[in-house]
Amino acid sequence: MTKIRGIDIVLINKKKVGTDAFNAPIYEDVEKVIANVLVAPASSDDIVDSMNLYGKKAVYVLAIPKGDENTWEGQEVKFFGQKFKVFGKELKGIDHLIPLSWNKKVWVEAYE
C-alpha cells in the first residue's frame, strides 16, 4: 500500500526589525521549511471562487499538515523553484473528524 506524502515547501514569514525615517515598518524575511504539504493545481471551481471572492487567480491549493501553528494568510511560499503568495482565509477542519494528515487548506497565486 502506498502512503500519501506531501513535499517540503518554504514558508517566508515577515519579521519586523525596525522602522525607517518615515516611521514605516521594516521587515526581514525569515524562511522556515514546512514538511509534508500537499500541492494540487487549483480546480476550475477554485479559480472562479477565488476570483469572485478576492479578485485573485488561484494557481495551486496547499493542504497543510495537522498540528501546524504557522500563520499562512498573506505570506510568501516557495516550491517547484518558484515563489507564490498565499491569499484568502485558511480553511481549517476539525482534526479528529479528518482521517488523513492534513486539516487546513490555502490558495496561492503566482508571485514573481
N, C-alpha and C. Protein backbone atom coordinates (compact mmCIF):
# COMPACT_ATOMS: atom_id res chain seq x y z
N MET A 1 0.84 -1.19 0.00
CA MET A 1 0.00 0.00 0.00
C MET A 1 0.88 1.25 0.00
N THR A 2 0.56 2.19 -0.85
CA THR A 2 1.30 3.43 -0.95
C THR A 2 0.69 4.47 -0.03
N LYS A 3 1.54 5.12 0.73
CA LYS A 3 1.08 6.16 1.65
C LYS A 3 1.21 7.53 0.98
N ILE A 4 0.20 8.37 1.13
CA ILE A 4 0.24 9.71 0.56
C ILE A 4 1.25 10.53 1.36
N ARG A 5 2.10 11.25 0.65
CA ARG A 5 3.11 12.07 1.30
C ARG A 5 3.25 13.37 0.54
N GLY A 6 3.32 14.48 1.27
CA GLY A 6 3.49 15.78 0.66
C GLY A 6 4.96 16.11 0.43
N ILE A 7 5.21 17.33 -0.01
CA ILE A 7 6.57 17.80 -0.26
C ILE A 7 6.96 18.84 0.79
N ASP A 8 8.25 19.14 0.84
CA ASP A 8 8.73 20.22 1.69
C ASP A 8 8.60 21.53 0.92
N ILE A 9 8.02 22.54 1.58
CA ILE A 9 7.96 23.87 0.98
C ILE A 9 8.59 24.85 1.96
N VAL A 10 8.91 26.04 1.48
CA VAL A 10 9.50 27.08 2.31
C VAL A 10 8.44 28.15 2.55
N LEU A 11 8.13 28.39 3.82
CA LEU A 11 7.22 29.46 4.21
C LEU A 11 8.08 30.66 4.58
N ILE A 12 7.80 31.81 3.98
CA ILE A 12 8.58 33.02 4.24
C ILE A 12 7.75 33.95 5.11
N ASN A 13 8.12 34.04 6.38
CA ASN A 13 7.44 34.94 7.32
C ASN A 13 8.14 36.29 7.32
N LYS A 14 7.39 37.33 7.53
CA LYS A 14 7.94 38.68 7.64
C LYS A 14 8.12 39.01 9.12
N LYS A 15 9.35 39.33 9.52
CA LYS A 15 9.65 39.69 10.90
C LYS A 15 10.00 41.17 10.95
N LYS A 16 9.30 41.91 11.80
CA LYS A 16 9.55 43.34 11.92
C LYS A 16 10.89 43.54 12.63
N VAL A 17 11.79 44.31 11.99
CA VAL A 17 13.11 44.54 12.57
C VAL A 17 13.35 46.00 12.92
N GLY A 18 12.40 46.87 12.64
CA GLY A 18 12.57 48.28 12.97
C GLY A 18 11.65 49.15 12.15
N THR A 19 11.96 50.44 12.14
CA THR A 19 11.20 51.41 11.35
C THR A 19 12.17 52.31 10.61
N ASP A 20 11.70 52.86 9.49
CA ASP A 20 12.54 53.77 8.72
C ASP A 20 12.33 55.21 9.17
N ALA A 21 12.90 56.16 8.44
CA ALA A 21 12.83 57.58 8.80
C ALA A 21 11.40 58.12 8.76
N PHE A 22 10.51 57.48 8.02
CA PHE A 22 9.12 57.91 7.93
C PHE A 22 8.22 57.11 8.86
N ASN A 23 8.82 56.37 9.79
CA ASN A 23 8.12 55.56 10.78
C ASN A 23 7.34 54.39 10.16
N ALA A 24 7.75 53.99 8.95
CA ALA A 24 7.15 52.82 8.32
C ALA A 24 7.94 51.58 8.76
N PRO A 25 7.26 50.47 8.98
CA PRO A 25 7.97 49.28 9.46
C PRO A 25 8.93 48.70 8.42
N ILE A 26 10.03 48.16 8.91
CA ILE A 26 11.00 47.46 8.06
C ILE A 26 10.93 46.00 8.45
N TYR A 27 10.80 45.14 7.43
CA TYR A 27 10.66 43.71 7.67
C TYR A 27 11.84 42.93 7.10
N GLU A 28 12.12 41.81 7.72
CA GLU A 28 13.15 40.89 7.25
C GLU A 28 12.48 39.54 6.98
N ASP A 29 12.89 38.89 5.89
CA ASP A 29 12.32 37.58 5.56
C ASP A 29 12.96 36.49 6.42
N VAL A 30 12.12 35.66 7.02
CA VAL A 30 12.58 34.51 7.79
C VAL A 30 12.00 33.27 7.13
N GLU A 31 12.88 32.42 6.59
CA GLU A 31 12.43 31.22 5.88
C GLU A 31 12.34 30.04 6.83
N LYS A 32 11.25 29.27 6.69
CA LYS A 32 11.03 28.09 7.51
C LYS A 32 10.55 26.97 6.59
N VAL A 33 11.19 25.82 6.67
CA VAL A 33 10.79 24.67 5.85
C VAL A 33 9.63 23.95 6.54
N ILE A 34 8.56 23.74 5.79
CA ILE A 34 7.38 23.02 6.28
C ILE A 34 7.32 21.71 5.51
N ALA A 35 7.31 20.61 6.24
CA ALA A 35 7.32 19.28 5.62
C ALA A 35 5.91 18.76 5.39
N ASN A 36 5.78 17.86 4.43
CA ASN A 36 4.55 17.11 4.18
C ASN A 36 3.36 17.99 3.79
N VAL A 37 3.58 18.95 2.91
CA VAL A 37 2.50 19.80 2.40
C VAL A 37 2.06 19.24 1.05
N LEU A 38 0.77 19.01 0.91
CA LEU A 38 0.23 18.56 -0.38
C LEU A 38 0.03 19.78 -1.28
N VAL A 39 0.42 19.64 -2.53
CA VAL A 39 0.27 20.72 -3.50
C VAL A 39 -0.55 20.18 -4.66
N ALA A 40 -1.66 20.86 -4.98
CA ALA A 40 -2.51 20.44 -6.08
C ALA A 40 -2.85 21.64 -6.95
N PRO A 41 -2.93 21.45 -8.26
CA PRO A 41 -3.38 22.54 -9.12
C PRO A 41 -4.79 22.97 -8.73
N ALA A 42 -5.04 24.25 -8.82
CA ALA A 42 -6.37 24.77 -8.49
C ALA A 42 -7.38 24.25 -9.51
N SER A 43 -8.53 23.82 -9.02
CA SER A 43 -9.60 23.37 -9.91
C SER A 43 -10.28 24.58 -10.53
N SER A 44 -11.08 24.35 -11.54
CA SER A 44 -11.80 25.47 -12.16
C SER A 44 -12.74 26.13 -11.16
N ASP A 45 -13.33 25.35 -10.25
CA ASP A 45 -14.18 25.92 -9.20
C ASP A 45 -13.37 26.80 -8.26
N ASP A 46 -12.16 26.35 -7.88
CA ASP A 46 -11.29 27.16 -7.02
C ASP A 46 -10.93 28.48 -7.69
N ILE A 47 -10.63 28.42 -8.97
CA ILE A 47 -10.26 29.64 -9.71
C ILE A 47 -11.42 30.62 -9.74
N VAL A 48 -12.60 30.14 -10.07
CA VAL A 48 -13.79 31.01 -10.12
C VAL A 48 -14.09 31.59 -8.74
N ASP A 49 -14.06 30.74 -7.71
CA ASP A 49 -14.33 31.21 -6.35
C ASP A 49 -13.31 32.24 -5.90
N SER A 50 -12.03 32.01 -6.16
CA SER A 50 -11.00 32.95 -5.72
C SER A 50 -11.14 34.28 -6.45
N MET A 51 -11.49 34.23 -7.74
CA MET A 51 -11.69 35.48 -8.50
C MET A 51 -12.90 36.24 -7.97
N ASN A 52 -13.99 35.53 -7.66
CA ASN A 52 -15.19 36.19 -7.15
C ASN A 52 -14.98 36.76 -5.75
N LEU A 53 -14.28 36.02 -4.89
CA LEU A 53 -14.11 36.45 -3.50
C LEU A 53 -12.99 37.47 -3.31
N TYR A 54 -11.87 37.29 -3.99
CA TYR A 54 -10.68 38.10 -3.71
C TYR A 54 -10.14 38.85 -4.92
N GLY A 55 -10.63 38.56 -6.10
CA GLY A 55 -10.11 39.20 -7.30
C GLY A 55 -8.73 38.70 -7.67
N LYS A 56 -8.35 37.52 -7.20
CA LYS A 56 -7.04 36.93 -7.48
C LYS A 56 -7.23 35.53 -8.03
N LYS A 57 -6.32 35.12 -8.90
CA LYS A 57 -6.43 33.81 -9.54
C LYS A 57 -5.60 32.77 -8.77
N ALA A 58 -6.29 31.81 -8.20
CA ALA A 58 -5.61 30.71 -7.50
C ALA A 58 -4.90 29.84 -8.53
N VAL A 59 -3.63 29.52 -8.26
CA VAL A 59 -2.85 28.66 -9.14
C VAL A 59 -2.74 27.26 -8.54
N TYR A 60 -2.46 27.21 -7.23
CA TYR A 60 -2.36 25.95 -6.51
C TYR A 60 -3.16 26.03 -5.22
N VAL A 61 -3.52 24.86 -4.72
CA VAL A 61 -4.14 24.73 -3.40
C VAL A 61 -3.16 23.92 -2.55
N LEU A 62 -2.84 24.43 -1.36
CA LEU A 62 -1.93 23.74 -0.45
C LEU A 62 -2.73 23.12 0.68
N ALA A 63 -2.46 21.87 1.00
CA ALA A 63 -3.04 21.20 2.16
C ALA A 63 -1.95 21.18 3.23
N ILE A 64 -2.26 21.78 4.38
CA ILE A 64 -1.29 21.96 5.46
C ILE A 64 -1.46 20.84 6.48
N PRO A 65 -0.35 20.27 6.97
CA PRO A 65 -0.45 19.16 7.92
C PRO A 65 -1.10 19.56 9.25
N LYS A 66 -1.73 18.58 9.88
CA LYS A 66 -2.33 18.80 11.20
C LYS A 66 -1.24 19.21 12.18
N GLY A 67 -1.59 20.06 13.12
CA GLY A 67 -0.65 20.50 14.15
C GLY A 67 0.16 21.70 13.76
N ASP A 68 0.06 22.16 12.53
CA ASP A 68 0.82 23.34 12.09
C ASP A 68 0.23 24.59 12.72
N GLU A 69 1.07 25.41 13.33
CA GLU A 69 0.61 26.63 14.00
C GLU A 69 1.09 27.90 13.31
N ASN A 70 1.63 27.79 12.11
CA ASN A 70 2.13 28.96 11.39
C ASN A 70 0.98 29.80 10.86
N THR A 71 1.26 31.08 10.68
CA THR A 71 0.31 31.99 10.04
C THR A 71 0.58 31.92 8.54
N TRP A 72 -0.46 31.62 7.77
CA TRP A 72 -0.31 31.45 6.33
C TRP A 72 -0.87 32.61 5.53
N GLU A 73 -1.87 33.29 6.04
CA GLU A 73 -2.53 34.36 5.29
C GLU A 73 -1.55 35.47 4.95
N GLY A 74 -1.46 35.80 3.66
CA GLY A 74 -0.62 36.90 3.21
C GLY A 74 0.87 36.60 3.16
N GLN A 75 1.27 35.38 3.44
CA GLN A 75 2.69 35.02 3.44
C GLN A 75 3.12 34.55 2.06
N GLU A 76 4.43 34.54 1.84
CA GLU A 76 5.00 34.00 0.61
C GLU A 76 5.46 32.57 0.87
N VAL A 77 5.41 31.75 -0.17
CA VAL A 77 5.89 30.37 -0.09
C VAL A 77 6.71 30.07 -1.34
N LYS A 78 7.66 29.14 -1.19
CA LYS A 78 8.47 28.72 -2.33
C LYS A 78 8.38 27.20 -2.47
N PHE A 79 8.10 26.76 -3.69
CA PHE A 79 8.14 25.35 -4.05
C PHE A 79 8.19 25.25 -5.56
N PHE A 80 8.61 24.12 -6.07
CA PHE A 80 8.77 23.91 -7.51
C PHE A 80 9.69 24.95 -8.15
N GLY A 81 10.60 25.53 -7.36
CA GLY A 81 11.53 26.52 -7.89
C GLY A 81 10.92 27.88 -8.16
N GLN A 82 9.71 28.14 -7.64
CA GLN A 82 9.03 29.42 -7.86
C GLN A 82 8.55 29.98 -6.53
N LYS A 83 8.18 31.24 -6.55
CA LYS A 83 7.65 31.90 -5.37
C LYS A 83 6.17 32.20 -5.60
N PHE A 84 5.36 31.95 -4.58
CA PHE A 84 3.92 32.18 -4.64
C PHE A 84 3.49 32.96 -3.40
N LYS A 85 2.30 33.54 -3.46
CA LYS A 85 1.77 34.28 -2.31
C LYS A 85 0.44 33.66 -1.90
N VAL A 86 0.30 33.42 -0.61
CA VAL A 86 -0.95 32.89 -0.06
C VAL A 86 -1.95 34.03 0.05
N PHE A 87 -3.20 33.77 -0.33
CA PHE A 87 -4.23 34.79 -0.17
C PHE A 87 -5.50 34.15 0.34
N GLY A 88 -6.36 34.98 0.87
CA GLY A 88 -7.63 34.49 1.41
C GLY A 88 -7.46 33.90 2.80
N LYS A 89 -8.53 33.38 3.31
CA LYS A 89 -8.55 32.79 4.65
C LYS A 89 -8.12 31.34 4.61
N GLU A 90 -7.47 30.90 5.69
CA GLU A 90 -7.17 29.48 5.85
C GLU A 90 -8.49 28.76 6.11
N LEU A 91 -8.70 27.66 5.42
CA LEU A 91 -9.87 26.83 5.68
C LEU A 91 -9.41 25.66 6.52
N LYS A 92 -9.95 25.54 7.73
CA LYS A 92 -9.47 24.53 8.66
C LYS A 92 -10.62 23.61 9.06
N GLY A 93 -10.31 22.31 9.11
CA GLY A 93 -11.27 21.31 9.54
C GLY A 93 -10.99 20.88 10.97
N ILE A 94 -11.85 20.05 11.51
CA ILE A 94 -11.70 19.52 12.86
C ILE A 94 -10.80 18.29 12.79
N ASP A 95 -9.68 18.33 13.53
CA ASP A 95 -8.65 17.30 13.42
C ASP A 95 -9.19 15.88 13.52
N HIS A 96 -9.94 15.59 14.55
CA HIS A 96 -10.35 14.20 14.76
C HIS A 96 -11.44 13.73 13.80
N LEU A 97 -12.01 14.63 13.01
CA LEU A 97 -13.01 14.23 12.03
C LEU A 97 -12.43 14.04 10.63
N ILE A 98 -11.15 14.36 10.47
CA ILE A 98 -10.49 14.23 9.18
C ILE A 98 -9.51 13.06 9.26
N PRO A 99 -9.68 12.05 8.40
CA PRO A 99 -8.90 10.82 8.55
C PRO A 99 -7.42 10.91 8.15
N LEU A 100 -7.05 11.81 7.29
CA LEU A 100 -5.67 11.87 6.83
C LEU A 100 -4.84 12.85 7.66
N SER A 101 -3.66 13.21 7.16
CA SER A 101 -2.70 14.02 7.93
C SER A 101 -2.85 15.52 7.75
N TRP A 102 -3.83 15.97 6.98
CA TRP A 102 -3.94 17.40 6.69
C TRP A 102 -5.31 17.91 7.11
N ASN A 103 -5.34 19.14 7.64
CA ASN A 103 -6.63 19.68 8.07
C ASN A 103 -6.85 21.14 7.67
N LYS A 104 -5.90 21.75 7.00
CA LYS A 104 -6.05 23.14 6.55
C LYS A 104 -5.77 23.21 5.06
N LYS A 105 -6.40 24.18 4.41
CA LYS A 105 -6.06 24.42 3.01
C LYS A 105 -6.02 25.91 2.75
N VAL A 106 -5.10 26.29 1.86
CA VAL A 106 -4.95 27.69 1.46
C VAL A 106 -4.75 27.75 -0.05
N TRP A 107 -5.11 28.90 -0.61
CA TRP A 107 -4.89 29.15 -2.03
C TRP A 107 -3.62 29.96 -2.19
N VAL A 108 -2.90 29.74 -3.31
CA VAL A 108 -1.74 30.57 -3.62
C VAL A 108 -1.87 31.08 -5.04
N GLU A 109 -1.30 32.27 -5.25
CA GLU A 109 -1.26 32.88 -6.58
C GLU A 109 0.20 33.02 -6.99
N ALA A 110 0.45 33.10 -8.29
CA ALA A 110 1.81 33.32 -8.80
C ALA A 110 2.28 34.68 -8.29
N TYR A 111 3.54 34.76 -7.88
CA TYR A 111 4.01 35.98 -7.23
C TYR A 111 5.11 36.67 -8.01
N GLU A 112 6.05 35.96 -8.56
CA GLU A 112 7.14 36.62 -9.29
C GLU A 112 7.21 36.16 -10.71
